[in-house]
Amino acid sequence: MTDAILVIVSCREDEAQSIAKPLIEEKLAACVSMIPAVKSMYEWKGEFCEEQESLLLIKTSSDCWQHLEKRIKSLHSYAVPEILAIPIELGHEPYLQWLTKATQTGKKLEGNSIKKN
């Protein structure tokens, strides 16, 4: 068992990089993989919606979760963004060690110290 998590976020295609880059720079994520051209279908406020989005796969530590969630919400354009955390049970040990090291600074952030764009 590790303290690594995979956070899934869907967003408009034109905002994927503007969400991903600050998460890396602020050490809230070790890596963000951006998958473009994901088709999402859902119901919102009684209306059927079909959108072309990007999917972000954010690899981080569970210790960063609270700050990461706040930061994503501050960068995201949706009123209710999809932000889902999935625990990583097993993984390639050298990668997991790198992930932990890459997010060390993010783990130490205080709630008020997260930078705003």
N, C-alpha and C. Protein backbone atom coordinates (compact mmCIF):
# COMPACT_ATOMS: atom_id res chain seq x y z
N MET A 1 0.85 -1.19 0.00
CA MET A 1 0.00 0.00 0.00
C MET A 1 0.89 1.24 0.00
N THR A 2 0.52 2.21 -0.82
CA THR A 2 1.27 3.46 -0.91
C THR A 2 0.36 4.62 -0.51
N ASP A 3 0.92 5.81 -0.41
CA ASP A 3 0.08 6.99 -0.19
C ASP A 3 -0.16 7.72 -1.51
N ALA A 4 0.17 7.08 -2.63
CA ALA A 4 -0.04 7.67 -3.94
C ALA A 4 -1.51 7.58 -4.33
N ILE A 5 -1.98 8.62 -5.04
CA ILE A 5 -3.34 8.61 -5.56
C ILE A 5 -3.31 9.07 -7.02
N LEU A 6 -4.33 8.67 -7.74
CA LEU A 6 -4.57 9.12 -9.10
C LEU A 6 -5.81 9.99 -9.04
N VAL A 7 -5.69 11.24 -9.45
CA VAL A 7 -6.82 12.17 -9.44
C VAL A 7 -7.25 12.39 -10.88
N ILE A 8 -8.53 12.18 -11.13
CA ILE A 8 -9.10 12.33 -12.46
C ILE A 8 -9.91 13.63 -12.51
N VAL A 9 -9.63 14.43 -13.52
CA VAL A 9 -10.33 15.70 -13.71
C VAL A 9 -10.68 15.84 -15.18
N SER A 10 -11.95 16.14 -15.46
CA SER A 10 -12.32 16.48 -16.83
C SER A 10 -12.44 18.00 -16.91
N CYS A 11 -12.11 18.55 -18.08
CA CYS A 11 -12.14 20.00 -18.26
C CYS A 11 -12.30 20.33 -19.74
N ARG A 12 -12.55 21.60 -20.00
CA ARG A 12 -12.58 22.05 -21.38
C ARG A 12 -11.21 21.81 -22.00
N GLU A 13 -11.18 21.48 -23.26
CA GLU A 13 -9.90 21.19 -23.92
C GLU A 13 -8.95 22.38 -23.87
N ASP A 14 -9.49 23.59 -23.95
CA ASP A 14 -8.63 24.77 -23.98
C ASP A 14 -8.08 25.17 -22.62
N GLU A 15 -8.51 24.49 -21.54
CA GLU A 15 -7.99 24.84 -20.22
C GLU A 15 -7.15 23.74 -19.58
N ALA A 16 -6.95 22.64 -20.27
CA ALA A 16 -6.21 21.50 -19.70
C ALA A 16 -4.82 21.90 -19.25
N GLN A 17 -4.08 22.58 -20.11
CA GLN A 17 -2.71 22.95 -19.75
C GLN A 17 -2.67 24.00 -18.65
N SER A 18 -3.63 24.92 -18.64
CA SER A 18 -3.63 25.96 -17.60
C SER A 18 -4.03 25.41 -16.24
N ILE A 19 -4.61 24.23 -16.20
CA ILE A 19 -4.87 23.55 -14.93
C ILE A 19 -3.65 22.71 -14.55
N ALA A 20 -3.13 21.96 -15.51
CA ALA A 20 -2.05 21.01 -15.23
C ALA A 20 -0.74 21.68 -14.82
N LYS A 21 -0.33 22.71 -15.54
CA LYS A 21 0.99 23.30 -15.31
C LYS A 21 1.19 23.84 -13.89
N PRO A 22 0.25 24.61 -13.34
CA PRO A 22 0.45 25.09 -11.96
C PRO A 22 0.54 23.96 -10.93
N LEU A 23 -0.17 22.86 -11.17
CA LEU A 23 -0.13 21.74 -10.23
C LEU A 23 1.27 21.15 -10.14
N ILE A 24 1.96 21.10 -11.29
CA ILE A 24 3.33 20.61 -11.32
C ILE A 24 4.26 21.65 -10.69
N GLU A 25 4.12 22.90 -11.11
CA GLU A 25 4.99 23.96 -10.61
C GLU A 25 4.91 24.12 -9.09
N GLU A 26 3.72 23.92 -8.54
CA GLU A 26 3.51 24.10 -7.10
C GLU A 26 3.73 22.81 -6.31
N LYS A 27 4.21 21.77 -6.98
CA LYS A 27 4.53 20.48 -6.36
C LYS A 27 3.31 19.79 -5.75
N LEU A 28 2.13 20.09 -6.30
CA LEU A 28 0.91 19.42 -5.86
C LEU A 28 0.69 18.13 -6.63
N ALA A 29 1.41 17.98 -7.74
CA ALA A 29 1.34 16.77 -8.55
C ALA A 29 2.74 16.45 -9.07
N ALA A 30 3.02 15.17 -9.19
CA ALA A 30 4.30 14.75 -9.75
C ALA A 30 4.22 14.73 -11.27
N CYS A 31 3.05 14.38 -11.79
CA CYS A 31 2.87 14.25 -13.23
C CYS A 31 1.39 14.43 -13.55
N VAL A 32 1.11 15.10 -14.66
CA VAL A 32 -0.26 15.21 -15.16
C VAL A 32 -0.26 14.75 -16.61
N SER A 33 -0.99 13.71 -16.90
CA SER A 33 -1.16 13.25 -18.27
C SER A 33 -2.46 13.84 -18.80
N MET A 34 -2.39 14.47 -19.98
CA MET A 34 -3.55 15.12 -20.57
C MET A 34 -4.03 14.29 -21.76
N ILE A 35 -5.25 13.82 -21.68
CA ILE A 35 -5.85 13.04 -22.76
C ILE A 35 -6.86 13.94 -23.45
N PRO A 36 -6.57 14.37 -24.68
CA PRO A 36 -7.49 15.26 -25.39
C PRO A 36 -8.65 14.49 -26.03
N ALA A 37 -9.65 15.23 -26.43
CA ALA A 37 -10.75 14.70 -27.25
C ALA A 37 -11.51 13.56 -26.59
N VAL A 38 -11.87 13.75 -25.33
CA VAL A 38 -12.72 12.79 -24.63
C VAL A 38 -14.15 13.30 -24.76
N LYS A 39 -15.06 12.45 -25.18
CA LYS A 39 -16.46 12.85 -25.29
C LYS A 39 -17.17 12.49 -23.99
N SER A 40 -17.77 13.49 -23.36
CA SER A 40 -18.51 13.27 -22.10
C SER A 40 -19.99 13.55 -22.34
N MET A 41 -20.82 12.67 -21.81
CA MET A 41 -22.27 12.86 -21.85
C MET A 41 -22.78 12.85 -20.42
N TYR A 42 -23.65 13.79 -20.11
CA TYR A 42 -24.19 13.90 -18.75
C TYR A 42 -25.44 14.76 -18.77
N GLU A 43 -26.16 14.74 -17.66
CA GLU A 43 -27.31 15.62 -17.49
C GLU A 43 -26.93 16.71 -16.51
N TRP A 44 -27.22 17.95 -16.87
CA TRP A 44 -26.91 19.09 -16.00
C TRP A 44 -28.10 20.03 -16.02
N LYS A 45 -28.65 20.28 -14.84
CA LYS A 45 -29.80 21.17 -14.67
C LYS A 45 -30.95 20.78 -15.59
N GLY A 46 -31.20 19.47 -15.66
CA GLY A 46 -32.31 18.95 -16.44
C GLY A 46 -32.08 18.87 -17.94
N GLU A 47 -30.90 19.22 -18.40
CA GLU A 47 -30.58 19.21 -19.83
C GLU A 47 -29.54 18.13 -20.14
N PHE A 48 -29.73 17.44 -21.27
CA PHE A 48 -28.73 16.48 -21.73
C PHE A 48 -27.58 17.25 -22.34
N CYS A 49 -26.36 16.93 -21.95
CA CYS A 49 -25.17 17.60 -22.45
C CYS A 49 -24.22 16.59 -23.07
N GLU A 50 -23.58 17.00 -24.14
CA GLU A 50 -22.56 16.19 -24.79
C GLU A 50 -21.43 17.14 -25.12
N GLU A 51 -20.27 16.92 -24.50
CA GLU A 51 -19.16 17.86 -24.61
C GLU A 51 -17.87 17.15 -25.04
N GLN A 52 -17.06 17.86 -25.79
CA GLN A 52 -15.70 17.42 -26.09
C GLN A 52 -14.82 18.00 -24.99
N GLU A 53 -14.13 17.16 -24.24
CA GLU A 53 -13.32 17.60 -23.11
C GLU A 53 -11.93 16.98 -23.19
N SER A 54 -11.10 17.40 -22.27
CA SER A 54 -9.83 16.73 -22.00
C SER A 54 -9.96 16.04 -20.66
N LEU A 55 -9.21 14.97 -20.50
CA LEU A 55 -9.18 14.25 -19.23
C LEU A 55 -7.78 14.36 -18.67
N LEU A 56 -7.67 14.82 -17.44
CA LEU A 56 -6.39 14.94 -16.77
C LEU A 56 -6.23 13.76 -15.81
N LEU A 57 -5.10 13.09 -15.90
CA LEU A 57 -4.74 12.02 -14.96
C LEU A 57 -3.60 12.57 -14.13
N ILE A 58 -3.90 12.90 -12.88
CA ILE A 58 -2.96 13.59 -12.01
C ILE A 58 -2.41 12.58 -11.00
N LYS A 59 -1.08 12.40 -11.03
CA LYS A 59 -0.43 11.48 -10.10
C LYS A 59 0.17 12.29 -8.96
N THR A 60 -0.23 11.96 -7.73
CA THR A 60 0.19 12.74 -6.58
C THR A 60 0.17 11.88 -5.32
N SER A 61 0.42 12.53 -4.21
CA SER A 61 0.38 11.89 -2.89
C SER A 61 -0.93 12.25 -2.20
N SER A 62 -1.45 11.33 -1.43
CA SER A 62 -2.69 11.61 -0.70
C SER A 62 -2.52 12.77 0.29
N ASP A 63 -1.29 13.02 0.73
CA ASP A 63 -1.03 14.15 1.62
C ASP A 63 -1.30 15.49 0.94
N CYS A 64 -1.26 15.53 -0.38
CA CYS A 64 -1.50 16.76 -1.14
C CYS A 64 -2.97 16.98 -1.47
N TRP A 65 -3.82 16.00 -1.18
CA TRP A 65 -5.20 16.02 -1.64
C TRP A 65 -5.95 17.33 -1.33
N GLN A 66 -5.97 17.76 -0.11
CA GLN A 66 -6.76 18.94 0.26
C GLN A 66 -6.31 20.18 -0.52
N HIS A 67 -5.03 20.41 -0.60
CA HIS A 67 -4.51 21.57 -1.33
C HIS A 67 -4.73 21.42 -2.83
N LEU A 68 -4.54 20.20 -3.32
CA LEU A 68 -4.73 19.93 -4.73
C LEU A 68 -6.18 20.19 -5.14
N GLU A 69 -7.12 19.69 -4.38
CA GLU A 69 -8.54 19.90 -4.69
C GLU A 69 -8.88 21.38 -4.72
N LYS A 70 -8.42 22.13 -3.72
CA LYS A 70 -8.67 23.58 -3.68
C LYS A 70 -8.07 24.27 -4.89
N ARG A 71 -6.85 23.87 -5.25
CA ARG A 71 -6.17 24.53 -6.36
C ARG A 71 -6.86 24.22 -7.69
N ILE A 72 -7.28 22.98 -7.88
CA ILE A 72 -8.01 22.63 -9.11
C ILE A 72 -9.28 23.46 -9.20
N LYS A 73 -10.03 23.56 -8.11
CA LYS A 73 -11.26 24.35 -8.12
C LYS A 73 -10.98 25.81 -8.47
N SER A 74 -9.85 26.35 -8.00
CA SER A 74 -9.52 27.75 -8.29
C SER A 74 -9.13 27.97 -9.75
N LEU A 75 -8.66 26.93 -10.43
CA LEU A 75 -8.22 27.03 -11.81
C LEU A 75 -9.30 26.61 -12.82
N HIS A 76 -10.28 25.87 -12.36
CA HIS A 76 -11.27 25.23 -13.24
C HIS A 76 -12.44 26.17 -13.55
N SER A 77 -12.97 26.08 -14.76
CA SER A 77 -14.08 26.95 -15.16
C SER A 77 -15.46 26.38 -14.81
N TYR A 78 -15.57 25.10 -14.52
CA TYR A 78 -16.87 24.50 -14.24
C TYR A 78 -17.35 24.84 -12.83
N ALA A 79 -18.65 25.01 -12.68
CA ALA A 79 -19.25 25.27 -11.36
C ALA A 79 -19.05 24.07 -10.44
N VAL A 80 -19.17 22.87 -10.99
CA VAL A 80 -18.97 21.63 -10.22
C VAL A 80 -18.03 20.73 -11.02
N PRO A 81 -16.72 20.94 -10.88
CA PRO A 81 -15.78 20.12 -11.65
C PRO A 81 -15.70 18.69 -11.13
N GLU A 82 -15.44 17.79 -12.06
CA GLU A 82 -15.16 16.40 -11.70
C GLU A 82 -13.75 16.35 -11.13
N ILE A 83 -13.63 15.99 -9.86
CA ILE A 83 -12.33 15.81 -9.21
C ILE A 83 -12.46 14.53 -8.39
N LEU A 84 -11.91 13.45 -8.89
CA LEU A 84 -12.03 12.14 -8.25
C LEU A 84 -10.65 11.61 -7.89
N ALA A 85 -10.49 11.13 -6.67
CA ALA A 85 -9.22 10.56 -6.23
C ALA A 85 -9.38 9.05 -6.08
N ILE A 86 -8.43 8.34 -6.66
CA ILE A 86 -8.42 6.87 -6.59
C ILE A 86 -7.10 6.45 -5.94
N PRO A 87 -7.16 5.69 -4.85
CA PRO A 87 -5.92 5.24 -4.22
C PRO A 87 -5.16 4.28 -5.13
N ILE A 88 -3.86 4.40 -5.14
CA ILE A 88 -3.00 3.48 -5.89
C ILE A 88 -2.51 2.42 -4.91
N GLU A 89 -2.96 1.23 -5.10
CA GLU A 89 -2.62 0.13 -4.20
C GLU A 89 -1.20 -0.39 -4.45
N LEU A 90 -0.87 -0.56 -5.70
CA LEU A 90 0.43 -1.10 -6.08
C LEU A 90 0.98 -0.32 -7.26
N GLY A 91 2.29 -0.35 -7.43
CA GLY A 91 2.90 0.31 -8.57
C GLY A 91 4.39 0.02 -8.60
N HIS A 92 5.00 0.45 -9.68
CA HIS A 92 6.44 0.28 -9.85
C HIS A 92 7.14 1.11 -8.78
N GLU A 93 7.85 0.46 -7.89
CA GLU A 93 8.41 1.11 -6.70
C GLU A 93 9.28 2.33 -7.01
N PRO A 94 10.18 2.27 -7.99
CA PRO A 94 10.97 3.47 -8.29
C PRO A 94 10.09 4.65 -8.72
N TYR A 95 9.02 4.39 -9.47
CA TYR A 95 8.10 5.46 -9.87
C TYR A 95 7.40 6.04 -8.66
N LEU A 96 6.93 5.19 -7.77
CA LEU A 96 6.23 5.65 -6.57
C LEU A 96 7.16 6.47 -5.66
N GLN A 97 8.43 6.07 -5.59
CA GLN A 97 9.40 6.84 -4.82
C GLN A 97 9.61 8.22 -5.44
N TRP A 98 9.71 8.27 -6.75
CA TRP A 98 9.85 9.55 -7.45
C TRP A 98 8.62 10.44 -7.21
N LEU A 99 7.43 9.84 -7.30
CA LEU A 99 6.19 10.58 -7.08
C LEU A 99 6.18 11.20 -5.68
N THR A 100 6.56 10.43 -4.69
CA THR A 100 6.59 10.93 -3.32
C THR A 100 7.58 12.08 -3.19
N LYS A 101 8.77 11.92 -3.76
CA LYS A 101 9.78 12.97 -3.68
C LYS A 101 9.33 14.23 -4.43
N ALA A 102 8.70 14.06 -5.58
CA ALA A 102 8.28 15.19 -6.41
C ALA A 102 7.19 16.04 -5.76
N THR A 103 6.45 15.47 -4.81
CA THR A 103 5.36 16.20 -4.16
C THR A 103 5.69 16.60 -2.72
N GLN A 104 6.93 16.47 -2.32
CA GLN A 104 7.31 16.79 -0.93
C GLN A 104 6.95 18.23 -0.56
N THR A 105 7.26 19.19 -1.42
CA THR A 105 6.97 20.59 -1.11
C THR A 105 5.48 20.82 -1.03
N GLY A 106 4.71 20.22 -1.94
CA GLY A 106 3.26 20.38 -1.94
C GLY A 106 2.61 19.87 -0.68
N LYS A 107 3.19 18.85 -0.08
CA LYS A 107 2.65 18.28 1.16
C LYS A 107 2.74 19.28 2.31
N LYS A 108 3.71 20.18 2.24
CA LYS A 108 3.97 21.10 3.35
C LYS A 108 3.23 22.43 3.22
N LEU A 109 2.49 22.62 2.13
CA LEU A 109 1.81 23.89 1.92
C LEU A 109 0.75 24.15 2.99
N GLU A 110 0.64 25.38 3.39
CA GLU A 110 -0.46 25.79 4.26
C GLU A 110 -1.60 26.20 3.34
N GLY A 111 -2.83 26.10 3.80
CA GLY A 111 -4.00 26.42 3.00
C GLY A 111 -3.96 27.79 2.37
N ASN A 112 -3.41 28.80 3.03
CA ASN A 112 -3.41 30.15 2.50
C ASN A 112 -2.22 30.44 1.60
N SER A 113 -1.28 29.51 1.49
CA SER A 113 -0.08 29.81 0.73
C SER A 113 -0.15 29.35 -0.73
N ILE A 114 -1.24 28.74 -1.13
CA ILE A 114 -1.37 28.29 -2.51
C ILE A 114 -1.51 29.51 -3.40
N LYS A 115 -0.65 29.56 -4.44
CA LYS A 115 -0.63 30.72 -5.33
C LYS A 115 -1.92 30.77 -6.16
N LYS A 116 -2.36 31.97 -6.43
CA LYS A 116 -3.47 32.20 -7.36
C LYS A 116 -2.88 32.72 -8.66
N ASN A 117 -3.51 32.38 -9.77
CA ASN A 117 -3.07 32.93 -11.06
C ASN A 117 -3.46 34.37 -11.17
